[in-house]
Each structure stands twice: as C-alpha cells, then as structure tokens.
Amino acid sequence: MCIKRSVCILALIGLCVSLSGIDFQGRRHFGLSGLLIFSGTSEGPVEIDGLSSGRIQPIIDMGLYGQMNIGRSLHFGLGFRVASIIVATMTWPTVYAELDLWRFSLNAQLGGGFYAGLAGFYPFFLVGDSVIPEVSLWFRFSHSRIGVGALSFLSVSSLNTEFFKEISAADPIKNHKVLLYLSYVWSIK
C-alpha cells in the first residue's frame, strides 16, 4: 500500500514538473495570401466554388488561437481561422502543431467540420464531414512571416479503403484538389 502511494506521488510530481515547462498564450494573426488552385484531374480545368484551376485568387486570412508552447520550438494550438475574398467570408475551427527551427517554422493544421460565414449579406452555417488538412513552411521576421503552403478539402466519409487505393495508385492526386499559396502574415499583439 505504501509503495502504491509513493509511485502515485512520484507520478504527480513528475506531471507537475513537466507541466511547469509549458507556456500558454494567445496568438492572433492577419495576413494576405495568393491562392493558386491546382488539380490533378485529367478531365481538364476544375472549378472550386467558381474559382477555376490555374488561377491565382487573393485571400485575406485571419486567425485567433490559444497556443501551448513546449520549450521554445514546439507549439500546439486550437482556435478559429477566417478566410475572406471580400464578397464571401468563412470561418472554421482548426488545430495546429508548429516546429520552429532557427528562423523557419514548419506548420501542420487540420480544420473543418463546422463552417460559418457570409456570402454577400446572407449568413450561412454548414456542418459536414469535410476537413481541411494543411502544411506550410514559414520564414519569420520580428512580428511577421512569409511562407508557402498547400491545403486540400477532404471528406471524412471518403476516407475508406477505396480512397487509400487511389492514393497508392500511379496517379496519386487524380480527382483530388490541392490549393497552393504564398502568404504574408502579421502577428497581432
């Protein structure tokens, strides 16, 4: 009985010591992105909500996150992201992990499931099984950063054995839309 208590007390002390190295903070950003729509379909140009393949679309990007820092170079966050093309604005929840190496940051995000926004003056709310995976590489300045990234829209219900067979096939991006972007972001204090 005494050994069990000692093990529990040591585990609790270890947990407290490990949590003391974690720093929690808020993170906000505002940016401007040039979004290039690309698709690997063989049928020709693809349209994503009126945006044609091969066309660059300017996007205003904003984010509001709660961030957990582990040391100085590993960050995890949870929050909301907003994207706007002026006539339409959409927000969705997102989680991310970011690794800082010197002045570079590698960021991986997963968002979606719930979407809200405005199309013109009409509000909309969507709940669905679509997610937005994203990966990006950034060069950091003092309060801003410039980077490149790629994102896609995936349906969770399509993540079955047929989806994975398509990925392992000779044409891995057949009928999958990938959006590439170049972005400049300001951190708001």
C-alpha atoms as a PDB file:
ATOM      1  CA  MET A   1       0.000   0.000   0.000  1.00  0.00           C
ATOM      2  CA  CYS A   2       2.835   2.381   0.843  1.00  0.00           C
ATOM      3  CA  ILE A   3       4.597   1.574  -2.457  1.00  0.00           C
ATOM      4  CA  LYS A   4       1.447   2.427  -4.463  1.00  0.00           C
ATOM      5  CA  ARG A   5       1.189   5.803  -2.711  1.00  0.00           C
ATOM      6  CA  SER A   6       4.866   6.538  -3.336  1.00  0.00           C
ATOM      7  CA  VAL A   7       4.502   5.701  -7.030  1.00  0.00           C
ATOM      8  CA  CYS A   8       1.371   7.907  -7.296  1.00  0.00           C
ATOM      9  CA  ILE A   9       3.111  10.799  -5.502  1.00  0.00           C
ATOM     10  CA  LEU A  10       6.192  10.492  -7.760  1.00  0.00           C
ATOM     11  CA  ALA A  11       3.965  10.387 -10.858  1.00  0.00           C
ATOM     12  CA  LEU A  12       2.089  13.506  -9.675  1.00  0.00           C
ATOM     13  CA  ILE A  13       5.382  15.336  -9.004  1.00  0.00           C
ATOM     14  CA  GLY A  14       6.654  14.328 -12.475  1.00  0.00           C
ATOM     15  CA  LEU A  15       3.451  15.604 -14.096  1.00  0.00           C
ATOM     16  CA  CYS A  16       3.681  18.934 -12.251  1.00  0.00           C
ATOM     17  CA  VAL A  17       7.345  19.375 -13.252  1.00  0.00           C
ATOM     18  CA  SER A  18       6.587  18.598 -16.897  1.00  0.00           C
ATOM     19  CA  LEU A  19       3.578  20.991 -16.970  1.00  0.00           C
ATOM     20  CA  SER A  20       5.675  23.791 -15.458  1.00  0.00           C
ATOM     21  CA  GLY A  21       7.729  23.874 -18.694  1.00  0.00           C
ATOM     22  CA  ILE A  22       4.602  24.525 -20.805  1.00  0.00           C
ATOM     23  CA  ASP A  23       3.726  28.124 -21.613  1.00  0.00           C
ATOM     24  CA  PHE A  24       0.128  29.019 -22.568  1.00  0.00           C
ATOM     25  CA  GLN A  25      -0.608  32.161 -24.593  1.00  0.00           C
ATOM     26  CA  GLY A  26      -2.921  33.689 -27.151  1.00  0.00           C
ATOM     27  CA  ARG A  27      -1.969  34.007 -30.817  1.00  0.00           C
ATOM     28  CA  ARG A  28      -3.596  36.263 -33.399  1.00  0.00           C
ATOM     29  CA  HIS A  29      -2.604  36.916 -36.983  1.00  0.00           C
ATOM     30  CA  PHE A  30      -3.747  38.854 -40.010  1.00  0.00           C
ATOM     31  CA  GLY A  31      -2.425  38.092 -43.471  1.00  0.00           C
ATOM     32  CA  LEU A  32      -2.763  38.290 -47.214  1.00  0.00           C
ATOM     33  CA  SER A  33      -2.418  35.155 -49.323  1.00  0.00           C
ATOM     34  CA  GLY A  34      -2.226  34.456 -53.021  1.00  0.00           C
ATOM     35  CA  LEU A  35      -4.061  31.166 -53.508  1.00  0.00           C
ATOM     36  CA  LEU A  36      -3.248  29.104 -56.618  1.00  0.00           C
ATOM     37  CA  ILE A  37      -5.791  26.403 -57.368  1.00  0.00           C
ATOM     38  CA  PHE A  38      -4.305  23.227 -58.815  1.00  0.00           C
ATOM     39  CA  SER A  39      -5.910  19.906 -59.632  1.00  0.00           C
ATOM     40  CA  GLY A  40      -4.608  16.624 -60.918  1.00  0.00           C
ATOM     41  CA  THR A  41      -7.730  15.652 -62.829  1.00  0.00           C
ATOM     42  CA  SER A  42      -7.310  14.505 -66.388  1.00  0.00           C
ATOM     43  CA  GLU A  43     -10.690  15.906 -67.459  1.00  0.00           C
ATOM     44  CA  GLY A  44      -9.371  19.475 -67.718  1.00  0.00           C
ATOM     45  CA  PRO A  45      -9.773  22.585 -65.545  1.00  0.00           C
ATOM     46  CA  VAL A  46     -11.552  22.162 -62.226  1.00  0.00           C
ATOM     47  CA  GLU A  47     -13.817  24.690 -60.577  1.00  0.00           C
ATOM     48  CA  ILE A  48     -13.967  25.047 -56.786  1.00  0.00           C
ATOM     49  CA  ASP A  49     -16.955  27.265 -55.961  1.00  0.00           C
ATOM     50  CA  GLY A  50     -16.449  29.380 -59.061  1.00  0.00           C
ATOM     51  CA  LEU A  51     -12.647  29.528 -58.821  1.00  0.00           C
ATOM     52  CA  SER A  52     -11.005  27.890 -61.828  1.00  0.00           C
ATOM     53  CA  SER A  53      -7.866  25.761 -61.820  1.00  0.00           C
ATOM     54  CA  GLY A  54      -4.612  27.569 -62.551  1.00  0.00           C
ATOM     55  CA  ARG A  55      -5.909  30.960 -61.395  1.00  0.00           C
ATOM     56  CA  ILE A  56      -4.414  32.972 -58.516  1.00  0.00           C
ATOM     57  CA  GLN A  57      -7.017  34.261 -56.040  1.00  0.00           C
ATOM     58  CA  PRO A  58      -6.104  36.839 -53.340  1.00  0.00           C
ATOM     59  CA  ILE A  59      -7.385  35.823 -49.884  1.00  0.00           C
ATOM     60  CA  ILE A  60      -7.453  37.770 -46.614  1.00  0.00           C
ATOM     61  CA  ASP A  61      -6.558  35.368 -43.797  1.00  0.00           C
ATOM     62  CA  MET A  62      -7.084  35.875 -40.041  1.00  0.00           C
ATOM     63  CA  GLY A  63      -6.663  33.581 -37.067  1.00  0.00           C
ATOM     64  CA  LEU A  64      -7.405  33.578 -33.333  1.00  0.00           C
ATOM     65  CA  TYR A  65      -5.805  30.756 -31.349  1.00  0.00           C
ATOM     66  CA  GLY A  66      -4.900  29.579 -27.887  1.00  0.00           C
ATOM     67  CA  GLN A  67      -1.360  28.267 -28.080  1.00  0.00           C
ATOM     68  CA  MET A  68       0.591  25.925 -25.836  1.00  0.00           C
ATOM     69  CA  ASN A  69       4.379  26.234 -26.066  1.00  0.00           C
ATOM     70  CA  ILE A  70       6.594  23.312 -25.133  1.00  0.00           C
ATOM     71  CA  GLY A  71      10.050  24.770 -24.813  1.00  0.00           C
ATOM     72  CA  ARG A  72      10.985  27.391 -27.375  1.00  0.00           C
ATOM     73  CA  SER A  73      10.467  25.473 -30.576  1.00  0.00           C
ATOM     74  CA  LEU A  74       7.329  23.315 -30.327  1.00  0.00           C
ATOM     75  CA  HIS A  75       3.844  24.856 -30.343  1.00  0.00           C
ATOM     76  CA  PHE A  76       0.338  23.381 -30.332  1.00  0.00           C
ATOM     77  CA  GLY A  77      -2.759  25.493 -30.880  1.00  0.00           C
ATOM     78  CA  LEU A  78      -6.517  25.413 -31.081  1.00  0.00           C
ATOM     79  CA  GLY A  79      -8.744  28.173 -32.409  1.00  0.00           C
ATOM     80  CA  PHE A  80     -10.610  29.632 -35.372  1.00  0.00           C
ATOM     81  CA  ARG A  81      -9.457  30.642 -38.801  1.00  0.00           C
ATOM     82  CA  VAL A  82     -11.173  33.146 -41.092  1.00  0.00           C
ATOM     83  CA  ALA A  83     -10.694  33.446 -44.862  1.00  0.00           C
ATOM     84  CA  SER A  84     -12.259  36.166 -46.975  1.00  0.00           C
ATOM     85  CA  ILE A  85     -12.434  37.068 -50.661  1.00  0.00           C
ATOM     86  CA  ILE A  86     -14.360  40.244 -49.731  1.00  0.00           C
ATOM     87  CA  VAL A  87     -17.691  39.098 -51.241  1.00  0.00           C
ATOM     88  CA  ALA A  88     -17.618  35.907 -49.160  1.00  0.00           C
ATOM     89  CA  THR A  89     -16.131  35.188 -45.743  1.00  0.00           C
ATOM     90  CA  MET A  90     -15.883  31.837 -43.972  1.00  0.00           C
ATOM     91  CA  THR A  91     -14.606  30.679 -40.556  1.00  0.00           C
ATOM     92  CA  TRP A  92     -13.874  27.196 -39.203  1.00  0.00           C
ATOM     93  CA  PRO A  93     -12.233  25.631 -36.140  1.00  0.00           C
ATOM     94  CA  THR A  94      -8.652  24.398 -36.505  1.00  0.00           C
ATOM     95  CA  VAL A  95      -5.858  22.719 -34.561  1.00  0.00           C
ATOM     96  CA  TYR A  96      -2.184  23.008 -35.406  1.00  0.00           C
ATOM     97  CA  ALA A  97       1.311  21.878 -34.486  1.00  0.00           C
ATOM     98  CA  GLU A  98       4.305  24.055 -35.308  1.00  0.00           C
ATOM     99  CA  LEU A  99       8.031  23.389 -35.079  1.00  0.00           C
ATOM    100  CA  ASP A 100      10.486  26.330 -35.064  1.00  0.00           C
ATOM    101  CA  LEU A 101      13.975  25.767 -36.451  1.00  0.00           C
ATOM    102  CA  TRP A 102      16.143  28.886 -36.417  1.00  0.00           C
ATOM    103  CA  ARG A 103      14.016  31.477 -38.297  1.00  0.00           C
ATOM    104  CA  PHE A 104      11.919  28.865 -40.100  1.00  0.00           C
ATOM    105  CA  SER A 105       8.649  27.304 -38.913  1.00  0.00           C
ATOM    106  CA  LEU A 106       7.038  24.112 -40.182  1.00  0.00           C
ATOM    107  CA  ASN A 107       3.294  24.154 -39.532  1.00  0.00           C
ATOM    108  CA  ALA A 108       0.683  21.380 -39.911  1.00  0.00           C
ATOM    109  CA  GLN A 109      -3.021  22.172 -39.454  1.00  0.00           C
ATOM    110  CA  LEU A 110      -6.288  20.298 -39.514  1.00  0.00           C
ATOM    111  CA  GLY A 111      -9.549  22.215 -39.566  1.00  0.00           C
ATOM    112  CA  GLY A 112     -13.168  21.949 -40.563  1.00  0.00           C
ATOM    113  CA  GLY A 113     -16.278  20.065 -39.557  1.00  0.00           C
ATOM    114  CA  PHE A 114     -18.231  23.280 -38.910  1.00  0.00           C
ATOM    115  CA  TYR A 115     -18.255  26.328 -41.165  1.00  0.00           C
ATOM    116  CA  ALA A 116     -19.931  29.702 -40.698  1.00  0.00           C
ATOM    117  CA  GLY A 117     -19.775  32.871 -42.723  1.00  0.00           C
ATOM    118  CA  LEU A 118     -21.314  35.399 -45.043  1.00  0.00           C
ATOM    119  CA  ALA A 119     -21.908  35.136 -48.774  1.00  0.00           C
ATOM    120  CA  GLY A 120     -22.760  38.677 -49.751  1.00  0.00           C
ATOM    121  CA  PHE A 121     -25.168  39.732 -46.998  1.00  0.00           C
ATOM    122  CA  TYR A 122     -26.520  36.224 -46.387  1.00  0.00           C
ATOM    123  CA  PRO A 123     -25.185  34.271 -43.378  1.00  0.00           C
ATOM    124  CA  PHE A 124     -24.626  30.511 -43.638  1.00  0.00           C
ATOM    125  CA  PHE A 125     -23.834  27.680 -41.233  1.00  0.00           C
ATOM    126  CA  LEU A 126     -22.618  24.314 -42.503  1.00  0.00           C
ATOM    127  CA  VAL A 127     -21.941  21.152 -40.551  1.00  0.00           C
ATOM    128  CA  GLY A 128     -20.337  18.367 -42.510  1.00  0.00           C
ATOM    129  CA  ASP A 129     -17.767  15.678 -42.680  1.00  0.00           C
ATOM    130  CA  SER A 130     -15.239  17.715 -44.662  1.00  0.00           C
ATOM    131  CA  VAL A 131     -11.835  18.583 -43.196  1.00  0.00           C
ATOM    132  CA  ILE A 132      -9.055  20.875 -44.391  1.00  0.00           C
ATOM    133  CA  PRO A 133      -5.548  19.440 -43.923  1.00  0.00           C
ATOM    134  CA  GLU A 134      -2.765  21.957 -44.485  1.00  0.00           C
ATOM    135  CA  VAL A 135       1.034  22.046 -44.324  1.00  0.00           C
ATOM    136  CA  SER A 136       3.184  25.172 -44.633  1.00  0.00           C
ATOM    137  CA  LEU A 137       6.758  26.427 -44.292  1.00  0.00           C
ATOM    138  CA  TRP A 138       7.401  29.961 -42.994  1.00  0.00           C
ATOM    139  CA  PHE A 139      10.339  32.359 -42.656  1.00  0.00           C
ATOM    140  CA  ARG A 140       9.874  34.523 -39.558  1.00  0.00           C
ATOM    141  CA  PHE A 141      10.737  38.191 -39.134  1.00  0.00           C
ATOM    142  CA  SER A 142      10.171  40.006 -35.808  1.00  0.00           C
ATOM    143  CA  HIS A 143       6.350  40.244 -35.892  1.00  0.00           C
ATOM    144  CA  SER A 144       5.605  38.927 -39.352  1.00  0.00           C
ATOM    145  CA  ARG A 145       6.374  35.932 -41.543  1.00  0.00           C
ATOM    146  CA  ILE A 146       6.263  34.902 -45.167  1.00  0.00           C
ATOM    147  CA  GLY A 147       5.573  31.369 -46.260  1.00  0.00           C
ATOM    148  CA  VAL A 148       4.347  28.817 -48.748  1.00  0.00           C
ATOM    149  CA  GLY A 149       1.865  26.043 -48.171  1.00  0.00           C
ATOM    150  CA  ALA A 150      -0.616  23.578 -49.557  1.00  0.00           C
ATOM    151  CA  LEU A 151      -4.105  22.640 -48.432  1.00  0.00           C
ATOM    152  CA  SER A 152      -6.906  20.418 -49.620  1.00  0.00           C
ATOM    153  CA  PHE A 153     -10.521  19.601 -48.845  1.00  0.00           C
ATOM    154  CA  LEU A 154     -11.235  16.001 -47.851  1.00  0.00           C
ATOM    155  CA  SER A 155     -14.477  14.265 -46.992  1.00  0.00           C
ATOM    156  CA  VAL A 156     -14.097  12.093 -43.882  1.00  0.00           C
ATOM    157  CA  SER A 157     -16.672   9.622 -45.222  1.00  0.00           C
ATOM    158  CA  SER A 158     -14.486   9.111 -48.310  1.00  0.00           C
ATOM    159  CA  LEU A 159     -11.531   8.044 -46.164  1.00  0.00           C
ATOM    160  CA  ASN A 160     -12.094   4.348 -46.750  1.00  0.00           C
ATOM    161  CA  THR A 161     -10.127   1.613 -48.476  1.00  0.00           C
ATOM    162  CA  GLU A 162     -11.028   2.932 -51.956  1.00  0.00           C
ATOM    163  CA  PHE A 163      -9.554   6.343 -51.068  1.00  0.00           C
ATOM    164  CA  PHE A 164      -6.277   4.769 -49.924  1.00  0.00           C
ATOM    165  CA  LYS A 165      -6.169   2.601 -53.070  1.00  0.00           C
ATOM    166  CA  GLU A 166      -6.410   5.779 -55.173  1.00  0.00           C
ATOM    167  CA  ILE A 167      -3.572   7.391 -53.224  1.00  0.00           C
ATOM    168  CA  SER A 168      -1.285   4.407 -53.754  1.00  0.00           C
ATOM    169  CA  ALA A 169      -2.132   4.238 -57.484  1.00  0.00           C
ATOM    170  CA  ALA A 170       0.170   5.566 -60.219  1.00  0.00           C
ATOM    171  CA  ASP A 171      -1.682   8.929 -60.331  1.00  0.00           C
ATOM    172  CA  PRO A 172      -1.835   9.826 -56.620  1.00  0.00           C
ATOM    173  CA  ILE A 173      -3.670  13.153 -56.983  1.00  0.00           C
ATOM    174  CA  LYS A 174      -6.252  12.007 -59.514  1.00  0.00           C
ATOM    175  CA  ASN A 175      -9.514  13.847 -58.843  1.00  0.00           C
ATOM    176  CA  HIS A 176      -8.133  15.461 -55.666  1.00  0.00           C
ATOM    177  CA  LYS A 177      -7.942  19.244 -55.462  1.00  0.00           C
ATOM    178  CA  VAL A 178      -4.818  20.804 -53.954  1.00  0.00           C
ATOM    179  CA  LEU A 179      -4.552  24.537 -53.313  1.00  0.00           C
ATOM    180  CA  LEU A 180      -1.089  26.110 -53.147  1.00  0.00           C
ATOM    181  CA  TYR A 181      -0.442  29.527 -51.615  1.00  0.00           C
ATOM    182  CA  LEU A 182       2.132  32.184 -50.890  1.00  0.00           C
ATOM    183  CA  SER A 183       1.261  34.194 -47.805  1.00  0.00           C
ATOM    184  CA  TYR A 184       2.447  37.133 -45.715  1.00  0.00           C
ATOM    185  CA  VAL A 185       1.158  37.224 -42.121  1.00  0.00           C
ATOM    186  CA  TRP A 186       1.398  39.828 -39.348  1.00  0.00           C
ATOM    187  CA  SER A 187       1.191  38.743 -35.717  1.00  0.00           C
ATOM    188  CA  ILE A 188      -1.142  40.978 -33.715  1.00  0.00           C
ATOM    189  CA  LYS A 189      -0.156  41.573 -30.087  1.00  0.00           C
END
